[in-house]
Amino acid sequence: RNYIGNQASFIAGLWELSAYFSADQETTTTTFLNKLIQTLQEILKCQNFIIDQTNRTINKTISKFLKEDVKKMRETKGYFNKISNDLDSALNKNAGVSKSRPTETEDSSNLLTAT
């Protein structure tokens, strides 16, 4: 945006220069300056159009990403945390079971396998 602003200032300076030469009846110089100014103005319009289109496209894409993909990622993170906690609980339960009690060992082993 700063570049576009500086370019517009440059064009304004060229207009002033053109006005100066038109007062001295320098028609050739004035004609060339006016052609240069018109060309630069067209370039400036195209650049503004491209920048606006790019901003809209990027904003739309980023907004969609934040609304949809980040939301899905948060849901997936929640599922992962829940499963991770369940697995940790099953591992702790399995590690804490006395090996002398086969029923509890089998139950904790089954719980670990189910998780």
Protein backbone atom coordinates (compact mmCIF):
# COMPACT_ATOMS: atom_id res chain seq x y z
CA ARG A 1 0.00 0.00 0.00
CA ASN A 2 2.87 2.36 0.73
CA TYR A 3 4.29 1.70 -2.71
CA ILE A 4 0.95 2.57 -4.32
CA GLY A 5 0.73 5.75 -2.23
CA ASN A 6 4.24 6.79 -3.21
CA GLN A 7 3.49 6.05 -6.84
CA ALA A 8 0.36 8.24 -6.65
CA SER A 9 2.48 11.04 -5.16
CA PHE A 10 4.95 10.65 -8.00
CA ILE A 11 2.12 10.95 -10.54
CA ALA A 12 0.87 14.08 -8.77
CA GLY A 13 4.39 15.52 -9.05
CA LEU A 14 4.40 14.73 -12.77
CA TRP A 15 1.07 16.58 -13.12
CA GLU A 16 2.66 19.63 -11.51
CA LEU A 17 5.65 19.34 -13.84
CA SER A 18 3.30 19.04 -16.80
CA ALA A 19 1.43 22.15 -15.67
CA TYR A 20 4.73 24.01 -15.40
CA PHE A 21 5.73 23.11 -18.96
CA SER A 22 2.27 23.84 -20.36
CA ALA A 23 2.59 27.40 -19.03
CA ASP A 24 5.78 27.82 -21.07
CA GLN A 25 4.09 26.50 -24.21
CA GLU A 26 6.35 23.42 -24.32
CA THR A 27 3.81 21.28 -26.18
CA THR A 28 6.14 18.38 -26.99
CA THR A 29 7.28 17.99 -23.39
CA THR A 30 3.74 18.41 -22.10
CA THR A 31 2.44 15.79 -24.55
CA PHE A 32 5.08 13.25 -23.51
CA LEU A 33 4.49 13.96 -19.84
CA ASN A 34 0.74 13.54 -20.26
CA LYS A 35 1.24 10.19 -22.03
CA LEU A 36 3.58 9.08 -19.25
CA ILE A 37 1.10 10.17 -16.60
CA GLN A 38 -1.78 8.33 -18.29
CA THR A 39 0.29 5.17 -18.59
CA LEU A 40 1.35 5.34 -14.96
CA GLN A 41 -2.24 5.92 -13.88
CA GLU A 42 -3.37 2.81 -15.77
CA ILE A 43 -0.58 0.80 -14.13
CA LEU A 44 -1.63 2.18 -10.75
CA LYS A 45 -5.26 1.17 -11.36
CA CYS A 46 -4.18 -2.36 -12.34
CA GLN A 47 -1.96 -2.65 -9.28
CA ASN A 48 -4.78 -1.49 -7.00
CA PHE A 49 -7.12 -4.02 -8.61
CA ILE A 50 -4.63 -6.86 -8.17
CA ILE A 51 -3.94 -5.92 -4.55
CA ASP A 52 -7.67 -5.74 -3.74
CA GLN A 53 -8.38 -9.09 -5.41
CA THR A 54 -5.43 -10.71 -3.65
CA ASN A 55 -6.55 -9.34 -0.27
CA ARG A 56 -10.09 -10.62 -0.78
CA THR A 57 -8.87 -14.05 -1.85
CA ILE A 58 -6.41 -14.37 1.01
CA ASN A 59 -8.91 -13.12 3.58
CA LYS A 60 -11.55 -15.54 2.32
CA THR A 61 -9.13 -18.47 2.40
CA ILE A 62 -7.80 -17.63 5.85
CA SER A 63 -11.29 -17.11 7.24
CA LYS A 64 -12.42 -20.46 5.85
CA PHE A 65 -9.32 -22.14 7.27
CA LEU A 66 -9.88 -20.64 10.72
CA LYS A 67 -13.59 -21.45 10.78
CA GLU A 68 -13.48 -24.99 9.43
CA ASP A 69 -10.04 -26.55 9.68
CA VAL A 70 -9.02 -25.14 13.04
CA LYS A 71 -12.39 -26.17 14.50
CA LYS A 72 -11.88 -29.73 13.23
CA MET A 73 -8.36 -29.73 14.64
CA ARG A 74 -9.66 -28.70 18.07
CA GLU A 75 -12.26 -31.47 17.99
CA THR A 76 -9.60 -33.99 16.98
CA LYS A 77 -7.34 -32.74 19.75
CA GLY A 78 -10.17 -33.28 22.23
CA TYR A 79 -10.71 -36.84 21.00
CA PHE A 80 -6.97 -37.51 21.17
CA ASN A 81 -6.74 -36.17 24.73
CA LYS A 82 -9.71 -38.29 25.83
CA ILE A 83 -8.27 -41.47 24.30
CA SER A 84 -4.83 -40.66 25.69
CA ASN A 85 -6.25 -40.21 29.19
CA ASP A 86 -8.22 -43.47 28.89
CA LEU A 87 -5.08 -45.30 27.80
CA ASP A 88 -3.05 -43.79 30.64
CA SER A 89 -5.71 -44.88 33.14
CA ALA A 90 -5.78 -48.39 31.71
CA LEU A 91 -1.97 -48.63 31.78
CA ASN A 92 -1.83 -47.39 35.39
CA LYS A 93 -4.55 -49.83 36.41
CA ASN A 94 -2.76 -52.68 34.63
CA ALA A 95 0.55 -51.76 36.25
CA GLY A 96 -1.00 -51.56 39.71
CA VAL A 97 -2.79 -54.90 39.63
CA SER A 98 -1.35 -57.64 41.76
CA LYS A 99 -0.18 -60.55 39.63
CA SER A 100 -1.32 -62.97 42.30
CA ARG A 101 -4.97 -62.20 41.52
CA PRO A 102 -5.67 -63.66 38.07
CA THR A 103 -9.21 -62.23 37.84
CA GLU A 104 -8.09 -58.64 38.34
CA THR A 105 -5.14 -59.18 36.03
CA GLU A 106 -7.43 -60.49 33.31
CA ASP A 107 -9.89 -57.60 33.80
CA SER A 108 -7.18 -54.94 33.60
CA SER A 109 -5.61 -56.69 30.60
CA ASN A 110 -8.99 -56.73 28.85
CA LEU A 111 -9.48 -53.03 29.68
CA LEU A 112 -6.05 -52.25 28.27
CA THR A 113 -6.82 -54.21 25.10
CA ALA A 114 -10.19 -52.47 24.70
CA THR A 115 -8.61 -49.06 25.00
